[in-house]
Amino acid sequence: MGSKIYVGGLPYSATEQELSDLFGRHGSVASARIITDKFTGQSRGFGFVEMSSDAEVQAAVAALNGTEMGGRTLTVNEARPQEPRTGGGGFGGGKRDPY
């Protein structure tokens, strides 16, 4: 299986089909996913594309990094593995004064 590609700077109106079509010009796209806000469903302006071979990944990165889509400049590079998340953040944890 090929590698995942990170695609940043996507127009908020971009669809997964448009992303797949864009990368499809450079090889076989296994999947294309745009990341959305879990509360609003709005695009967060980035996504991931998975291609069938490493050679296709390299070709797509070289061809598309720095190009424009919908008036925005794309940042395209090989995705890094997701790092484990730490800590909760936010509320709670302390003792309350009962008085």
PDB file of N, CA and C in Angstrom:
ATOM      1  N   MET A   1       0.843  -1.184   0.000  1.00  0.00           N
ATOM      2  CA  MET A   1       0.000   0.000   0.000  1.00  0.00           C
ATOM      3  C   MET A   1       0.880   1.237   0.000  1.00  0.00           C
ATOM      4  N   GLY A   2       0.388   2.298  -0.579  1.00  0.00           N
ATOM      5  CA  GLY A   2       1.151   3.534  -0.665  1.00  0.00           C
ATOM      6  C   GLY A   2       1.128   4.312   0.626  1.00  0.00           C
ATOM      7  N   SER A   3       1.488   5.559   0.530  1.00  0.00           N
ATOM      8  CA  SER A   3       1.574   6.416   1.703  1.00  0.00           C
ATOM      9  C   SER A   3       0.484   7.469   1.688  1.00  0.00           C
ATOM     10  N   LYS A   4       0.269   8.051   2.860  1.00  0.00           N
ATOM     11  CA  LYS A   4      -0.684   9.142   2.977  1.00  0.00           C
ATOM     12  C   LYS A   4       0.007  10.462   2.698  1.00  0.00           C
ATOM     13  N   ILE A   5      -0.753  11.363   2.114  1.00  0.00           N
ATOM     14  CA  ILE A   5      -0.280  12.698   1.803  1.00  0.00           C
ATOM     15  C   ILE A   5      -1.123  13.691   2.596  1.00  0.00           C
ATOM     16  N   TYR A   6      -0.451  14.637   3.246  1.00  0.00           N
ATOM     17  CA  TYR A   6      -1.130  15.735   3.925  1.00  0.00           C
ATOM     18  C   TYR A   6      -1.341  16.849   2.905  1.00  0.00           C
ATOM     19  N   VAL A   7      -2.554  17.410   2.882  1.00  0.00           N
ATOM     20  CA  VAL A   7      -2.867  18.514   1.977  1.00  0.00           C
ATOM     21  C   VAL A   7      -3.444  19.650   2.812  1.00  0.00           C
ATOM     22  N   GLY A   8      -2.675  20.723   2.963  1.00  0.00           N
ATOM     23  CA  GLY A   8      -3.122  21.888   3.720  1.00  0.00           C
ATOM     24  C   GLY A   8      -3.438  23.041   2.793  1.00  0.00           C
ATOM     25  N   GLY A   9      -4.167  24.015   3.325  1.00  0.00           N
ATOM     26  CA  GLY A   9      -4.517  25.199   2.546  1.00  0.00           C
ATOM     27  C   GLY A   9      -5.674  24.977   1.594  1.00  0.00           C
ATOM     28  N   LEU A  10      -6.479  23.958   1.863  1.00  0.00           N
ATOM     29  CA  LEU A  10      -7.623  23.691   0.985  1.00  0.00           C
ATOM     30  C   LEU A  10      -8.684  24.780   1.135  1.00  0.00           C
ATOM     31  N   PRO A  11      -9.339  25.127   0.038  1.00  0.00           N
ATOM     32  CA  PRO A  11     -10.480  26.038   0.157  1.00  0.00           C
ATOM     33  C   PRO A  11     -11.553  25.353   1.012  1.00  0.00           C
ATOM     34  N   TYR A  12     -12.239  26.114   1.812  1.00  0.00           N
ATOM     35  CA  TYR A  12     -13.252  25.531   2.694  1.00  0.00           C
ATOM     36  C   TYR A  12     -14.417  24.927   1.914  1.00  0.00           C
ATOM     37  N   SER A  13     -14.548  25.308   0.655  1.00  0.00           N
ATOM     38  CA  SER A  13     -15.629  24.779  -0.179  1.00  0.00           C
ATOM     39  C   SER A  13     -15.226  23.502  -0.926  1.00  0.00           C
ATOM     40  N   ALA A  14     -13.965  23.092  -0.815  1.00  0.00           N
ATOM     41  CA  ALA A  14     -13.488  21.917  -1.561  1.00  0.00           C
ATOM     42  C   ALA A  14     -14.195  20.645  -1.100  1.00  0.00           C
ATOM     43  N   THR A  15     -14.431  19.744  -2.059  1.00  0.00           N
ATOM     44  CA  THR A  15     -15.060  18.463  -1.741  1.00  0.00           C
ATOM     45  C   THR A  15     -14.026  17.341  -1.847  1.00  0.00           C
ATOM     46  N   GLU A  16     -14.352  16.216  -1.239  1.00  0.00           N
ATOM     47  CA  GLU A  16     -13.458  15.065  -1.319  1.00  0.00           C
ATOM     48  C   GLU A  16     -13.318  14.583  -2.762  1.00  0.00           C
ATOM     49  N   GLN A  17     -14.376  14.716  -3.556  1.00  0.00           N
ATOM     50  CA  GLN A  17     -14.307  14.320  -4.966  1.00  0.00           C
ATOM     51  C   GLN A  17     -13.336  15.216  -5.731  1.00  0.00           C
ATOM     52  N   GLU A  18     -13.369  16.518  -5.480  1.00  0.00           N
ATOM     53  CA  GLU A  18     -12.431  17.439  -6.136  1.00  0.00           C
ATOM     54  C   GLU A  18     -10.995  17.118  -5.742  1.00  0.00           C
ATOM     55  N   LEU A  19     -10.788  16.789  -4.474  1.00  0.00           N
ATOM     56  CA  LEU A  19      -9.458  16.428  -3.992  1.00  0.00           C
ATOM     57  C   LEU A  19      -8.977  15.151  -4.667  1.00  0.00           C
ATOM     58  N   SER A  20      -9.858  14.180  -4.773  1.00  0.00           N
ATOM     59  CA  SER A  20      -9.525  12.917  -5.438  1.00  0.00           C
ATOM     60  C   SER A  20      -9.205  13.145  -6.910  1.00  0.00           C
ATOM     61  N   ASP A  21      -9.991  13.980  -7.582  1.00  0.00           N
ATOM     62  CA  ASP A  21      -9.755  14.274  -8.998  1.00  0.00           C
ATOM     63  C   ASP A  21      -8.418  14.973  -9.210  1.00  0.00           C
ATOM     64  N   LEU A  22      -8.091  15.925  -8.320  1.00  0.00           N
ATOM     65  CA  LEU A  22      -6.836  16.663  -8.424  1.00  0.00           C
ATOM     66  C   LEU A  22      -5.634  15.716  -8.329  1.00  0.00           C
ATOM     67  N   PHE A  23      -5.665  14.822  -7.359  1.00  0.00           N
ATOM     68  CA  PHE A  23      -4.547  13.897  -7.176  1.00  0.00           C
ATOM     69  C   PHE A  23      -4.593  12.740  -8.165  1.00  0.00           C
ATOM     70  N   GLY A  24      -5.768  12.454  -8.692  1.00  0.00           N
ATOM     71  CA  GLY A  24      -5.923  11.382  -9.671  1.00  0.00           C
ATOM     72  C   GLY A  24      -5.148  11.627 -10.955  1.00  0.00           C
ATOM     73  N   ARG A  25      -4.796  12.864 -11.221  1.00  0.00           N
ATOM     74  CA  ARG A  25      -3.990  13.191 -12.404  1.00  0.00           C
ATOM     75  C   ARG A  25      -2.552  12.692 -12.269  1.00  0.00           C
ATOM     76  N   HIS A  26      -2.178  12.324 -11.037  1.00  0.00           N
ATOM     77  CA  HIS A  26      -0.791  11.924 -10.771  1.00  0.00           C
ATOM     78  C   HIS A  26      -0.664  10.471 -10.335  1.00  0.00           C
ATOM     79  N   GLY A  27      -1.770   9.733 -10.390  1.00  0.00           N
ATOM     80  CA  GLY A  27      -1.728   8.315 -10.033  1.00  0.00           C
ATOM     81  C   GLY A  27      -3.072   7.845  -9.515  1.00  0.00           C
ATOM     82  N   SER A  28      -3.063   6.648  -8.991  1.00  0.00           N
ATOM     83  CA  SER A  28      -4.279   6.011  -8.503  1.00  0.00           C
ATOM     84  C   SER A  28      -4.543   6.408  -7.051  1.00  0.00           C
ATOM     85  N   VAL A  29      -5.686   7.053  -6.806  1.00  0.00           N
ATOM     86  CA  VAL A  29      -6.052   7.508  -5.469  1.00  0.00           C
ATOM     87  C   VAL A  29      -6.843   6.407  -4.766  1.00  0.00           C
ATOM     88  N   ALA A  30      -6.320   5.959  -3.615  1.00  0.00           N
ATOM     89  CA  ALA A  30      -7.017   4.943  -2.828  1.00  0.00           C
ATOM     90  C   ALA A  30      -8.100   5.585  -1.961  1.00  0.00           C
ATOM     91  N   SER A  31      -7.830   6.777  -1.425  1.00  0.00           N
ATOM     92  CA  SER A  31      -8.829   7.496  -0.638  1.00  0.00           C
ATOM     93  C   SER A  31      -8.463   8.971  -0.568  1.00  0.00           C
ATOM     94  N   ALA A  32      -9.484   9.804  -0.382  1.00  0.00           N
ATOM     95  CA  ALA A  32      -9.300  11.244  -0.202  1.00  0.00           C
ATOM     96  C   ALA A  32     -10.275  11.675   0.880  1.00  0.00           C
ATOM     97  N   ARG A  33      -9.761  12.355   1.899  1.00  0.00           N
ATOM     98  CA  ARG A  33     -10.605  12.738   3.025  1.00  0.00           C
ATOM     99  C   ARG A  33     -10.300  14.173   3.442  1.00  0.00           C
ATOM    100  N   ILE A  34     -11.347  14.975   3.569  1.00  0.00           N
ATOM    101  CA  ILE A  34     -11.213  16.335   4.071  1.00  0.00           C
ATOM    102  C   ILE A  34     -11.646  16.311   5.538  1.00  0.00           C
ATOM    103  N   ILE A  35     -10.819  16.899   6.398  1.00  0.00           N
ATOM    104  CA  ILE A  35     -11.102  16.905   7.824  1.00  0.00           C
ATOM    105  C   ILE A  35     -12.082  18.035   8.137  1.00  0.00           C
ATOM    106  N   THR A  36     -13.114  17.699   8.921  1.00  0.00           N
ATOM    107  CA  THR A  36     -14.145  18.667   9.260  1.00  0.00           C
ATOM    108  C   THR A  36     -14.223  18.864  10.764  1.00  0.00           C
ATOM    109  N   ASP A  37     -14.757  19.996  11.168  1.00  0.00           N
ATOM    110  CA  ASP A  37     -14.991  20.289  12.574  1.00  0.00           C
ATOM    111  C   ASP A  37     -16.090  19.368  13.080  1.00  0.00           C
ATOM    112  N   LYS A  38     -15.862  18.737  14.225  1.00  0.00           N
ATOM    113  CA  LYS A  38     -16.837  17.753  14.697  1.00  0.00           C
ATOM    114  C   LYS A  38     -18.141  18.373  15.183  1.00  0.00           C
ATOM    115  N   PHE A  39     -18.150  19.658  15.472  1.00  0.00           N
ATOM    116  CA  PHE A  39     -19.373  20.294  15.946  1.00  0.00           C
ATOM    117  C   PHE A  39     -20.155  20.964  14.823  1.00  0.00           C
ATOM    118  N   THR A  40     -19.462  21.627  13.904  1.00  0.00           N
ATOM    119  CA  THR A  40     -20.155  22.373  12.855  1.00  0.00           C
ATOM    120  C   THR A  40     -20.217  21.634  11.520  1.00  0.00           C
ATOM    121  N   GLY A  41     -19.329  20.658  11.330  1.00  0.00           N
ATOM    122  CA  GLY A  41     -19.280  19.949  10.058  1.00  0.00           C
ATOM    123  C   GLY A  41     -18.553  20.720   8.971  1.00  0.00           C
ATOM    124  N   GLN A  42     -18.049  21.916   9.280  1.00  0.00           N
ATOM    125  CA  GLN A  42     -17.324  22.739   8.317  1.00  0.00           C
ATOM    126  C   GLN A  42     -15.927  22.187   8.081  1.00  0.00           C
ATOM    127  N   SER A  43     -15.435  22.354   6.874  1.00  0.00           N
ATOM    128  CA  SER A  43     -14.075  21.949   6.550  1.00  0.00           C
ATOM    129  C   SER A  43     -13.094  22.715   7.424  1.00  0.00           C
ATOM    130  N   ARG A  44     -12.018  22.040   7.830  1.00  0.00           N
ATOM    131  CA  ARG A  44     -10.970  22.705   8.605  1.00  0.00           C
ATOM    132  C   ARG A  44      -9.835  23.179   7.694  1.00  0.00           C
ATOM    133  N   GLY A  45      -9.980  22.981   6.378  1.00  0.00           N
ATOM    134  CA  GLY A  45      -9.002  23.508   5.428  1.00  0.00           C
ATOM    135  C   GLY A  45      -7.821  22.589   5.164  1.00  0.00           C
ATOM    136  N   PHE A  46      -7.926  21.337   5.596  1.00  0.00           N
ATOM    137  CA  PHE A  46      -6.875  20.376   5.275  1.00  0.00           C
ATOM    138  C   PHE A  46      -7.468  18.983   5.156  1.00  0.00           C
ATOM    139  N   GLY A  47      -6.684  18.092   4.569  1.00  0.00           N
ATOM    140  CA  GLY A  47      -7.157  16.730   4.389  1.00  0.00           C
ATOM    141  C   GLY A  47      -6.005  15.789   4.109  1.00  0.00           C
ATOM    142  N   PHE A  48      -6.356  14.558   3.786  1.00  0.00           N
ATOM    143  CA  PHE A  48      -5.368  13.522   3.517  1.00  0.00           C
ATOM    144  C   PHE A  48      -5.773  12.741   2.276  1.00  0.00           C
ATOM    145  N   VAL A  49      -4.778  12.392   1.489  1.00  0.00           N
ATOM    146  CA  VAL A  49      -4.992  11.577   0.296  1.00  0.00           C
ATOM    147  C   VAL A  49      -4.076  10.368   0.418  1.00  0.00           C
ATOM    148  N   GLU A  50      -4.593   9.200   0.101  1.00  0.00           N
ATOM    149  CA  GLU A  50      -3.775   8.000   0.098  1.00  0.00           C
ATOM    150  C   GLU A  50      -3.688   7.491  -1.328  1.00  0.00           C
ATOM    151  N   MET A  51      -2.455   7.254  -1.777  1.00  0.00           N
ATOM    152  CA  MET A  51      -2.239   6.803  -3.146  1.00  0.00           C
ATOM    153  C   MET A  51      -1.666   5.390  -3.132  1.00  0.00           C
ATOM    154  N   SER A  52      -1.744   4.724  -4.277  1.00  0.00           N
ATOM    155  CA  SER A  52      -1.412   3.307  -4.360  1.00  0.00           C
ATOM    156  C   SER A  52       0.061   2.986  -4.230  1.00  0.00           C
ATOM    157  N   SER A  53       0.944   3.885  -4.666  1.00  0.00           N
ATOM    158  CA  SER A  53       2.374   3.568  -4.594  1.00  0.00           C
ATOM    159  C   SER A  53       3.178   4.776  -4.129  1.00  0.00           C
ATOM    160  N   ASP A  54       4.344   4.504  -3.587  1.00  0.00           N
ATOM    161  CA  ASP A  54       5.225   5.577  -3.138  1.00  0.00           C
ATOM    162  C   ASP A  54       5.671   6.462  -4.294  1.00  0.00           C
ATOM    163  N   ALA A  55       5.845   5.876  -5.472  1.00  0.00           N
ATOM    164  CA  ALA A  55       6.248   6.662  -6.643  1.00  0.00           C
ATOM    165  C   ALA A  55       5.157   7.673  -6.999  1.00  0.00           C
ATOM    166  N   GLU A  56       3.895   7.272  -6.909  1.00  0.00           N
ATOM    167  CA  GLU A  56       2.787   8.186  -7.192  1.00  0.00           C
ATOM    168  C   GLU A  56       2.718   9.291  -6.141  1.00  0.00           C
ATOM    169  N   VAL A  57       2.995   8.932  -4.899  1.00  0.00           N
ATOM    170  CA  VAL A  57       3.011   9.918  -3.822  1.00  0.00           C
ATOM    171  C   VAL A  57       4.060  10.987  -4.115  1.00  0.00           C
ATOM    172  N   GLN A  58       5.265  10.551  -4.445  1.00  0.00           N
ATOM    173  CA  GLN A  58       6.348  11.494  -4.724  1.00  0.00           C
ATOM    174  C   GLN A  58       6.013  12.385  -5.915  1.00  0.00           C
ATOM    175  N   ALA A  59       5.422  11.815  -6.953  1.00  0.00           N
ATOM    176  CA  ALA A  59       5.050  12.587  -8.141  1.00  0.00           C
ATOM    177  C   ALA A  59       3.988  13.629  -7.797  1.00  0.00           C
ATOM    178  N   ALA A  60       2.986  13.237  -7.001  1.00  0.00           N
ATOM    179  CA  ALA A  60       1.916  14.162  -6.637  1.00  0.00           C
ATOM    180  C   ALA A  60       2.443  15.290  -5.751  1.00  0.00           C
ATOM    181  N   VAL A  61       3.301  14.956  -4.789  1.00  0.00           N
ATOM    182  CA  VAL A  61       3.867  15.978  -3.903  1.00  0.00           C
ATOM    183  C   VAL A  61       4.678  16.987  -4.723  1.00  0.00           C
ATOM    184  N   ALA A  62       5.532  16.481  -5.609  1.00  0.00           N
ATOM    185  CA  ALA A  62       6.372  17.355  -6.427  1.00  0.00           C
ATOM    186  C   ALA A  62       5.525  18.247  -7.339  1.00  0.00           C
ATOM    187  N   ALA A  63       4.447  17.703  -7.890  1.00  0.00           N
ATOM    188  CA  ALA A  63       3.636  18.457  -8.844  1.00  0.00           C
ATOM    189  C   ALA A  63       2.688  19.453  -8.181  1.00  0.00           C
ATOM    190  N   LEU A  64       2.179  19.134  -6.988  1.00  0.00           N
ATOM    191  CA  LEU A  64       1.093  19.937  -6.422  1.00  0.00           C
ATOM    192  C   LEU A  64       1.485  20.872  -5.283  1.00  0.00           C
ATOM    193  N   ASN A  65       2.610  20.629  -4.621  1.00  0.00           N
ATOM    194  CA  ASN A  65       3.000  21.500  -3.513  1.00  0.00           C
ATOM    195  C   ASN A  65       3.252  22.917  -4.036  1.00  0.00           C
ATOM    196  N   GLY A  66       2.581  23.886  -3.411  1.00  0.00           N
ATOM    197  CA  GLY A  66       2.745  25.286  -3.817  1.00  0.00           C
ATOM    198  C   GLY A  66       1.808  25.732  -4.922  1.00  0.00           C
ATOM    199  N   THR A  67       0.984  24.837  -5.459  1.00  0.00           N
ATOM    200  CA  THR A  67       0.030  25.223  -6.497  1.00  0.00           C
ATOM    201  C   THR A  67      -1.214  25.817  -5.834  1.00  0.00           C
ATOM    202  N   GLU A  68      -2.116  26.362  -6.645  1.00  0.00           N
ATOM    203  CA  GLU A  68      -3.326  26.977  -6.119  1.00  0.00           C
ATOM    204  C   GLU A  68      -4.554  26.140  -6.398  1.00  0.00           C
ATOM    205  N   MET A  69      -5.476  26.185  -5.455  1.00  0.00           N
ATOM    206  CA  MET A  69      -6.790  25.569  -5.627  1.00  0.00           C
ATOM    207  C   MET A  69      -7.801  26.535  -5.021  1.00  0.00           C
ATOM    208  N   GLY A  70      -8.708  27.006  -5.814  1.00  0.00           N
ATOM    209  CA  GLY A  70      -9.727  27.928  -5.317  1.00  0.00           C
ATOM    210  C   GLY A  70      -9.162  29.199  -4.709  1.00  0.00           C
ATOM    211  N   GLY A  71      -8.040  29.670  -5.233  1.00  0.00           N
ATOM    212  CA  GLY A  71      -7.445  30.904  -4.738  1.00  0.00           C
ATOM    213  C   GLY A  71      -6.566  30.735  -3.507  1.00  0.00           C
ATOM    214  N   ARG A  72      -6.372  29.509  -3.055  1.00  0.00           N
ATOM    215  CA  ARG A  72      -5.513  29.261  -1.882  1.00  0.00           C
ATOM    216  C   ARG A  72      -4.321  28.412  -2.302  1.00  0.00           C
ATOM    217  N   THR A  73      -3.173  28.674  -1.694  1.00  0.00           N
ATOM    218  CA  THR A  73      -1.955  27.932  -2.002  1.00  0.00           C
ATOM    219  C   THR A  73      -1.918  26.648  -1.187  1.00  0.00           C
ATOM    220  N   LEU A  74      -1.741  25.531  -1.888  1.00  0.00           N
ATOM    221  CA  LEU A  74      -1.720  24.228  -1.232  1.00  0.00           C
ATOM    222  C   LEU A  74      -0.347  23.911  -0.648  1.00  0.00           C
ATOM    223  N   THR A  75      -0.358  23.297   0.517  1.00  0.00           N
ATOM    224  CA  THR A  75       0.836  22.714   1.119  1.00  0.00           C
ATOM    225  C   THR A  75       0.653  21.207   1.020  1.00  0.00           C
ATOM    226  N   VAL A  76       1.512  20.565   0.251  1.00  0.00           N
ATOM    227  CA  VAL A  76       1.364  19.132   0.007  1.00  0.00           C
ATOM    228  C   VAL A  76       2.668  18.442   0.393  1.00  0.00           C
ATOM    229  N   ASN A  77       2.578  17.497   1.334  1.00  0.00           N
ATOM    230  CA  ASN A  77       3.752  16.707   1.692  1.00  0.00           C
ATOM    231  C   ASN A  77       3.338  15.362   2.266  1.00  0.00           C
ATOM    232  N   GLU A  78       4.306  14.485   2.404  1.00  0.00           N
ATOM    233  CA  GLU A  78       4.011  13.161   2.943  1.00  0.00           C
ATOM    234  C   GLU A  78       3.579  13.321   4.396  1.00  0.00           C
ATOM    235  N   ALA A  79       2.475  12.678   4.750  1.00  0.00           N
ATOM    236  CA  ALA A  79       1.929  12.815   6.103  1.00  0.00           C
ATOM    237  C   ALA A  79       2.820  12.101   7.112  1.00  0.00           C
ATOM    238  N   ARG A  80       2.973  12.731   8.274  1.00  0.00           N
ATOM    239  CA  ARG A  80       3.695  12.097   9.377  1.00  0.00           C
ATOM    240  C   ARG A  80       2.700  11.257  10.164  1.00  0.00           C
ATOM    241  N   PRO A  81       3.176  10.220  10.842  1.00  0.00           N
ATOM    242  CA  PRO A  81       2.263   9.434  11.680  1.00  0.00           C
ATOM    243  C   PRO A  81       1.668  10.309  12.784  1.00  0.00           C
ATOM    244  N   GLN A  82       0.430  10.024  13.138  1.00  0.00           N
ATOM    245  CA  GLN A  82      -0.230  10.808  14.177  1.00  0.00           C
ATOM    246  C   GLN A  82       0.444  10.535  15.517  1.00  0.00           C
ATOM    247  N   GLU A  83       0.779  11.604  16.209  1.00  0.00           N
ATOM    248  CA  GLU A  83       1.419  11.451  17.513  1.00  0.00           C
ATOM    249  C   GLU A  83       0.345  11.246  18.561  1.00  0.00           C
ATOM    250  N   PRO A  84       0.658  10.446  19.596  1.00  0.00           N
ATOM    251  CA  PRO A  84      -0.345  10.217  20.640  1.00  0.00           C
ATOM    252  C   PRO A  84      -0.679  11.516  21.364  1.00  0.00           C
ATOM    253  N   ARG A  85      -1.934  11.676  21.655  1.00  0.00           N
ATOM    254  CA  ARG A  85      -2.377  12.882  22.351  1.00  0.00           C
ATOM    255  C   ARG A  85      -2.180  12.682  23.851  1.00  0.00           C
ATOM    256  N   THR A  86      -1.880  13.774  24.516  1.00  0.00           N
ATOM    257  CA  THR A  86      -1.653  13.688  25.950  1.00  0.00           C
ATOM    258  C   THR A  86      -2.592  14.616  26.687  1.00  0.00           C
ATOM    259  N   GLY A  87      -2.891  14.244  27.891  1.00  0.00           N
ATOM    260  CA  GLY A  87      -3.625  15.124  28.797  1.00  0.00           C
ATOM    261  C   GLY A  87      -5.016  15.488  28.357  1.00  0.00           C
ATOM    262  N   GLY A  88      -5.779  15.939  29.301  1.00  0.00           N
ATOM    263  CA  GLY A  88      -7.145  16.334  29.023  1.00  0.00           C
ATOM    264  C   GLY A  88      -7.239  17.805  28.738  1.00  0.00           C
ATOM    265  N   GLY A  89      -6.844  18.589  29.666  1.00  0.00           N
ATOM    266  CA  GLY A  89      -6.984  20.022  29.474  1.00  0.00           C
ATOM    267  C   GLY A  89      -8.359  20.480  29.878  1.00  0.00           C
ATOM    268  N   GLY A  90      -8.398  21.592  30.489  1.00  0.00           N
ATOM    269  CA  GLY A  90      -9.703  22.136  30.808  1.00  0.00           C
ATOM    270  C   GLY A  90     -10.036  22.083  32.279  1.00  0.00           C
ATOM    271  N   PHE A  91     -11.116  21.422  32.587  1.00  0.00           N
ATOM    272  CA  PHE A  91     -11.758  21.583  33.889  1.00  0.00           C
ATOM    273  C   PHE A  91     -11.506  20.413  34.825  1.00  0.00           C
ATOM    274  N   GLY A  92     -11.797  20.658  36.093  1.00  0.00           N
ATOM    275  CA  GLY A  92     -11.805  19.593  37.086  1.00  0.00           C
ATOM    276  C   GLY A  92     -10.446  19.276  37.646  1.00  0.00           C
ATOM    277  N   GLY A  93     -10.430  18.259  38.460  1.00  0.00           N
ATOM    278  CA  GLY A  93      -9.182  17.769  38.997  1.00  0.00           C
ATOM    279  C   GLY A  93      -8.877  18.237  40.397  1.00  0.00           C
ATOM    280  N   GLY A  94      -9.310  19.393  40.785  1.00  0.00           N
ATOM    281  CA  GLY A  94      -8.967  19.924  42.110  1.00  0.00           C
ATOM    282  C   GLY A  94     -10.031  19.608  43.141  1.00  0.00           C
ATOM    283  N   LYS A  95      -9.633  19.640  44.404  1.00  0.00           N
ATOM    284  CA  LYS A  95     -10.608  19.432  45.491  1.00  0.00           C
ATOM    285  C   LYS A  95     -11.365  20.732  45.723  1.00  0.00           C
ATOM    286  N   ARG A  96     -12.600  20.569  46.076  1.00  0.00           N
ATOM    287  CA  ARG A  96     -13.405  21.746  46.385  1.00  0.00           C
ATOM    288  C   ARG A  96     -13.487  21.943  47.898  1.00  0.00           C
ATOM    289  N   ASP A  97     -13.510  23.181  48.283  1.00  0.00           N
ATOM    290  CA  ASP A  97     -13.669  23.516  49.686  1.00  0.00           C
ATOM    291  C   ASP A  97     -15.155  23.337  50.035  1.00  0.00           C
ATOM    292  N   PRO A  98     -15.489  22.434  50.964  1.00  0.00           N
ATOM    293  CA  PRO A  98     -16.902  22.187  51.264  1.00  0.00           C
ATOM    294  C   PRO A  98     -17.573  23.336  52.018  1.00  0.00           C
ATOM    295  N   TYR A  99     -16.827  24.361  52.420  1.00  0.00           N
ATOM    296  CA  TYR A  99     -17.418  25.444  53.214  1.00  0.00           C
ATOM    297  C   TYR A  99     -17.602  26.687  52.416  1.00  0.00           C
TER     298      TYR A  99
END
